Amino acid sequence: SKPFPGILDLFGSSGGLCEYRASLLAGHGFAVLALAYFRFEDLPEHLNDVCLEYFEEAVDFMLQHPKVKGPGVGLLGFSKGGDLCLSMASFLKGITATVVINACVANTIAPLRYKDMIIPGLSYDLKKHTITESGFLNFVDIWENPLEKTNHQSLIPLEKAQGPFLFIVSMDDHNWKSEVYARIASERLQAHGKDRPQIIYYPGSGHCIDPPYFPLSRASVHAVLGQPVFHGGEPKAHSKAQADAWQQIQTFFHKHLN
């Protein structure tokens, strides 16, 4: 059979290997690699230090695979996986199109290294968290503004990227300010004479946008923190967002990878 457009699929700061989204996408005519980057087999247990060379190897692996139709691959990243995809698109060759779901425009949580460059993680202040009525941690206010001068080093230089971007944005995201970050990304790209990214805003939807018919994850015990974290989202709006986003993601990749 003929080769398929290739996609690398990354999840967030809970780590481990999540394959369900990749396997569902594969049913729609893509060759997808679900890429773990910590808390799996021989990978580091914690997200202390991230080397972009590891992700570069994954891109090369895909591009050399007989089932993957080149000349480039697509990236799909959620949460922390989203800012990693933005960094990959900005620094690595062979990336044709990038979709991020509720991602930050700055590098987060751990420093990112590539060759002799280091991008620090965006500063945060854990004391600024709040507790919801149900006793869940709400982290939306802990993150510092990436546009403040002290945080400029953390910003990802998106303008270096080749391919187009699609930002999926939940308006009721309580993990971080995805809407603000998408706007910053758009302004930065345009300031550098690049095309405006496609941004789709979903009112009433929470942080965890999954494929359709997955139940809304309003809160969950974070695998690394061991604490229940509030993600936001209202069931009906979130369900509609998941159904629409799934179609939008496929349409975007079919358009740009084929």
Protein backbone atom coordinates (compact mmCIF):
# COMPACT_ATOMS: atom_id res chain seq x y z
CA SER A 1 0.00 0.00 0.00
CA LYS A 2 1.08 3.57 -0.58
CA PRO A 3 2.81 5.58 2.17
CA PHE A 4 0.77 7.88 4.42
CA PRO A 5 1.28 11.42 5.72
CA GLY A 6 3.23 11.13 8.98
CA ILE A 7 2.39 12.73 12.32
CA LEU A 8 4.21 12.78 15.67
CA ASP A 9 1.77 12.84 18.59
CA LEU A 10 2.80 14.21 22.01
CA PHE A 11 0.93 14.41 25.29
CA GLY A 12 1.58 16.51 28.37
CA SER A 13 3.33 16.70 31.72
CA SER A 14 1.86 13.47 33.11
CA GLY A 15 4.38 11.59 30.99
CA GLY A 16 4.16 7.95 29.99
CA LEU A 17 3.00 6.66 26.61
CA CYS A 18 -0.48 7.67 25.41
CA GLU A 19 -1.42 5.83 22.23
CA TYR A 20 -5.19 6.19 21.95
CA ARG A 21 -5.20 9.44 19.96
CA ALA A 22 -2.48 8.19 17.61
CA SER A 23 -4.32 4.92 16.94
CA LEU A 24 -7.58 6.76 16.24
CA LEU A 25 -5.82 9.16 13.86
CA ALA A 26 -4.19 6.22 12.10
CA GLY A 27 -7.69 5.04 11.18
CA HIS A 28 -8.10 8.25 9.16
CA GLY A 29 -5.21 7.78 6.76
CA PHE A 30 -2.16 8.91 8.73
CA ALA A 31 0.99 7.13 9.92
CA VAL A 32 1.28 8.27 13.53
CA LEU A 33 4.05 7.88 16.10
CA ALA A 34 2.91 8.36 19.70
CA LEU A 35 6.06 9.72 21.29
CA ALA A 36 6.72 9.34 25.01
CA TYR A 37 9.43 11.62 26.40
CA PHE A 38 9.56 10.73 30.11
CA ARG A 39 8.12 8.23 32.63
CA PHE A 40 8.28 5.36 30.14
CA GLU A 41 10.68 2.40 29.92
CA ASP A 42 14.29 3.69 29.77
CA LEU A 43 13.32 7.37 29.50
CA PRO A 44 13.93 9.74 32.45
CA GLU A 45 11.51 9.43 35.35
CA HIS A 46 11.15 13.21 35.68
CA LEU A 47 10.92 16.12 33.29
CA ASN A 48 14.07 17.88 34.52
CA ASP A 49 15.94 18.47 31.34
CA VAL A 50 14.69 18.06 27.79
CA CYS A 51 17.00 17.54 24.81
CA LEU A 52 15.55 18.42 21.42
CA GLU A 53 17.93 15.91 19.79
CA TYR A 54 15.66 13.13 21.10
CA PHE A 55 12.72 14.63 19.19
CA GLU A 56 14.91 15.22 16.13
CA GLU A 57 15.65 11.48 16.09
CA ALA A 58 11.91 10.79 16.12
CA VAL A 59 11.38 13.10 13.13
CA ASP A 60 14.23 11.39 11.25
CA PHE A 61 12.83 7.96 12.17
CA MET A 62 9.47 8.94 10.67
CA LEU A 63 10.93 10.46 7.51
CA GLN A 64 13.01 7.33 6.85
CA HIS A 65 10.08 4.97 7.46
CA PRO A 66 8.77 3.29 4.27
CA LYS A 67 5.14 3.87 5.32
CA VAL A 68 5.63 7.63 5.78
CA LYS A 69 5.12 9.91 2.83
CA GLY A 70 7.56 12.83 3.01
CA PRO A 71 9.02 15.29 2.51
CA GLY A 72 8.00 16.43 6.01
CA VAL A 73 5.86 15.34 8.95
CA GLY A 74 3.11 16.92 11.00
CA LEU A 75 3.21 17.55 14.74
CA LEU A 76 0.29 17.23 17.17
CA GLY A 77 0.86 18.25 20.77
CA PHE A 78 -1.34 18.74 23.83
CA SER A 79 -0.42 20.90 26.85
CA LYS A 80 3.33 20.52 27.58
CA GLY A 81 3.52 18.40 24.41
CA GLY A 82 2.21 21.47 22.58
CA ASP A 83 5.08 23.75 23.54
CA LEU A 84 7.49 20.93 22.66
CA CYS A 85 5.89 20.78 19.19
CA LEU A 86 6.29 24.55 18.82
CA SER A 87 9.98 24.18 19.72
CA MET A 88 10.40 21.28 17.28
CA ALA A 89 8.75 23.27 14.48
CA SER A 90 10.99 26.25 15.25
CA PHE A 91 14.35 24.46 15.41
CA LEU A 92 14.12 21.20 13.46
CA LYS A 93 14.00 20.50 9.74
CA GLY A 94 11.35 18.30 8.17
CA ILE A 95 8.26 19.73 9.92
CA THR A 96 5.45 20.62 7.51
CA ALA A 97 2.49 21.48 9.75
CA THR A 98 1.90 21.85 13.49
CA VAL A 99 -1.27 21.52 15.59
CA VAL A 100 -1.22 22.40 19.27
CA ILE A 101 -4.04 21.85 21.75
CA ASN A 102 -4.07 24.26 24.71
CA ALA A 103 -0.35 24.93 24.60
CA CYS A 104 1.95 27.66 25.88
CA VAL A 105 4.05 29.90 23.58
CA ALA A 106 6.97 29.68 25.96
CA ASN A 107 8.98 26.64 26.95
CA THR A 108 7.54 25.33 30.23
CA ILE A 109 8.40 23.19 33.27
CA ALA A 110 11.95 22.16 32.30
CA PRO A 111 14.84 23.76 30.39
CA LEU A 112 15.04 22.78 26.73
CA ARG A 113 18.48 22.06 25.27
CA TYR A 114 19.46 21.85 21.62
CA LYS A 115 23.11 21.74 20.56
CA ASP A 116 24.68 24.64 22.52
CA MET A 117 21.41 26.48 23.15
CA ILE A 118 19.27 26.43 26.31
CA ILE A 119 15.72 27.79 26.54
CA PRO A 120 14.74 28.13 30.21
CA GLY A 121 11.30 27.14 31.43
CA LEU A 122 8.75 29.92 31.95
CA SER A 123 8.82 31.15 35.55
CA TYR A 124 5.96 30.25 37.85
CA ASP A 125 4.98 30.82 41.46
CA LEU A 126 3.21 27.83 43.00
CA LYS A 127 1.98 30.01 45.88
CA LYS A 128 -0.44 31.63 43.42
CA HIS A 129 -2.50 28.46 43.00
CA THR A 130 -6.06 28.38 44.29
CA ILE A 131 -8.22 25.51 45.53
CA THR A 132 -11.66 24.94 44.02
CA GLU A 133 -14.75 24.20 46.14
CA SER A 134 -14.25 20.51 45.38
CA GLY A 135 -10.67 20.66 46.68
CA PHE A 136 -8.88 20.58 43.33
CA LEU A 137 -5.74 22.60 42.59
CA ASN A 138 -6.25 25.42 40.08
CA PHE A 139 -2.93 26.41 38.50
CA VAL A 140 -4.14 28.98 35.97
CA ASP A 141 -2.59 31.94 37.84
CA ILE A 142 0.80 30.45 38.76
CA TRP A 143 2.42 31.15 35.37
CA GLU A 144 4.24 34.41 34.80
CA ASN A 145 3.54 36.52 31.72
CA PRO A 146 5.87 35.28 28.95
CA LEU A 147 5.96 38.80 27.45
CA GLU A 148 7.61 40.31 30.54
CA LYS A 149 11.25 41.07 29.92
CA THR A 150 12.48 38.61 32.55
CA ASN A 151 10.69 35.79 30.70
CA HIS A 152 11.72 36.62 27.13
CA GLN A 153 14.36 33.87 27.13
CA SER A 154 11.59 31.30 27.56
CA LEU A 155 9.63 32.38 24.48
CA ILE A 156 9.82 29.96 21.55
CA PRO A 157 11.01 31.64 18.30
CA LEU A 158 7.99 30.51 16.27
CA GLU A 159 8.93 32.77 13.39
CA LYS A 160 11.74 30.32 12.49
CA ALA A 161 9.19 27.60 11.72
CA GLN A 162 8.38 26.57 8.17
CA GLY A 163 4.90 25.18 8.11
CA PRO A 164 1.50 26.54 9.12
CA PHE A 165 0.09 26.35 12.65
CA LEU A 166 -3.31 25.44 14.03
CA PHE A 167 -4.04 26.41 17.65
CA ILE A 168 -6.96 24.64 19.34
CA VAL A 169 -7.95 26.87 22.28
CA SER A 170 -10.29 26.08 25.17
CA MET A 171 -11.83 29.21 26.65
CA ASP A 172 -12.40 27.52 30.04
CA ASP A 173 -8.88 26.10 30.34
CA HIS A 174 -7.87 26.23 34.02
CA ASN A 175 -4.36 24.83 33.61
CA TRP A 176 -3.03 27.90 31.86
CA LYS A 177 -4.11 30.82 29.69
CA SER A 178 -4.23 29.08 26.32
CA GLU A 179 -6.26 31.88 24.75
CA VAL A 180 -3.66 34.51 25.70
CA TYR A 181 -0.81 32.29 24.48
CA ALA A 182 -2.43 31.71 21.07
CA ARG A 183 -2.89 35.47 20.67
CA ILE A 184 0.78 36.09 21.56
CA ALA A 185 1.81 33.45 18.99
CA SER A 186 -0.33 35.09 16.31
CA GLU A 187 1.06 38.56 17.04
CA ARG A 188 4.62 37.29 17.06
CA LEU A 189 4.27 35.47 13.73
CA GLN A 190 2.68 38.50 12.08
CA ALA A 191 5.30 40.87 13.51
CA HIS A 192 7.90 38.76 11.69
CA GLY A 193 5.96 38.88 8.41
CA LYS A 194 4.69 35.30 8.73
CA ASP A 195 1.19 34.04 8.03
CA ARG A 196 -1.29 34.36 10.83
CA PRO A 197 -1.89 30.96 12.44
CA GLN A 198 -5.32 29.38 12.34
CA ILE A 199 -6.84 29.65 15.83
CA ILE A 200 -10.10 27.96 16.80
CA TYR A 201 -11.66 29.08 20.08
CA TYR A 202 -14.03 26.79 21.97
CA PRO A 203 -16.15 28.52 24.64
CA GLY A 204 -16.95 26.44 27.72
CA SER A 205 -14.37 23.75 26.96
CA GLY A 206 -11.67 22.71 29.42
CA HIS A 207 -7.96 21.92 29.14
CA CYS A 208 -8.18 18.27 28.10
CA ILE A 209 -9.47 18.19 24.51
CA ASP A 210 -9.63 14.50 23.59
CA PRO A 211 -11.08 12.76 20.52
CA PRO A 212 -14.91 12.74 20.34
CA TYR A 213 -16.99 10.84 22.91
CA PHE A 214 -14.24 10.74 25.50
CA PRO A 215 -15.80 11.92 28.76
CA LEU A 216 -14.93 15.43 29.92
CA SER A 217 -11.96 15.36 32.28
CA ARG A 218 -12.86 18.29 34.56
CA ALA A 219 -10.20 17.30 37.05
CA SER A 220 -7.72 14.47 37.43
CA VAL A 221 -4.94 13.33 39.72
CA HIS A 222 -1.78 14.57 38.04
CA ALA A 223 0.55 11.61 37.53
CA VAL A 224 3.66 13.55 38.56
CA LEU A 225 2.24 15.83 41.27
CA GLY A 226 0.02 13.13 42.78
CA GLN A 227 -2.61 15.82 43.44
CA PRO A 228 -6.04 16.41 41.89
CA VAL A 229 -5.76 19.24 39.35
CA PHE A 230 -8.73 21.22 37.98
CA HIS A 231 -8.88 21.40 34.15
CA GLY A 232 -12.17 23.25 33.61
CA GLY A 233 -14.85 22.61 31.02
CA GLU A 234 -18.64 22.39 30.90
CA PRO A 235 -19.86 18.96 29.69
CA LYS A 236 -22.05 19.94 26.73
CA ALA A 237 -19.75 22.64 25.34
CA HIS A 238 -16.69 20.46 25.89
CA SER A 239 -18.25 17.49 24.08
CA LYS A 240 -19.11 19.67 21.09
CA ALA A 241 -15.58 21.10 21.09
CA GLN A 242 -14.03 17.62 21.05
CA ALA A 243 -16.18 16.55 18.09
CA ASP A 244 -15.37 19.69 16.11
CA ALA A 245 -11.66 19.85 16.97
CA TRP A 246 -11.18 16.24 15.84
CA GLN A 247 -12.50 17.12 12.37
CA GLN A 248 -10.54 20.37 12.22
CA ILE A 249 -7.26 18.62 13.10
CA GLN A 250 -7.73 15.99 10.39
CA THR A 251 -8.76 18.58 7.79
CA PHE A 252 -5.69 20.69 8.60
CA PHE A 253 -3.29 17.75 8.32
CA HIS A 254 -4.87 16.36 5.14
CA LYS A 255 -4.62 19.82 3.57
CA HIS A 256 -0.99 20.49 4.48
CA LEU A 257 0.59 17.02 4.53
CA ASN A 258 -0.90 15.66 1.30
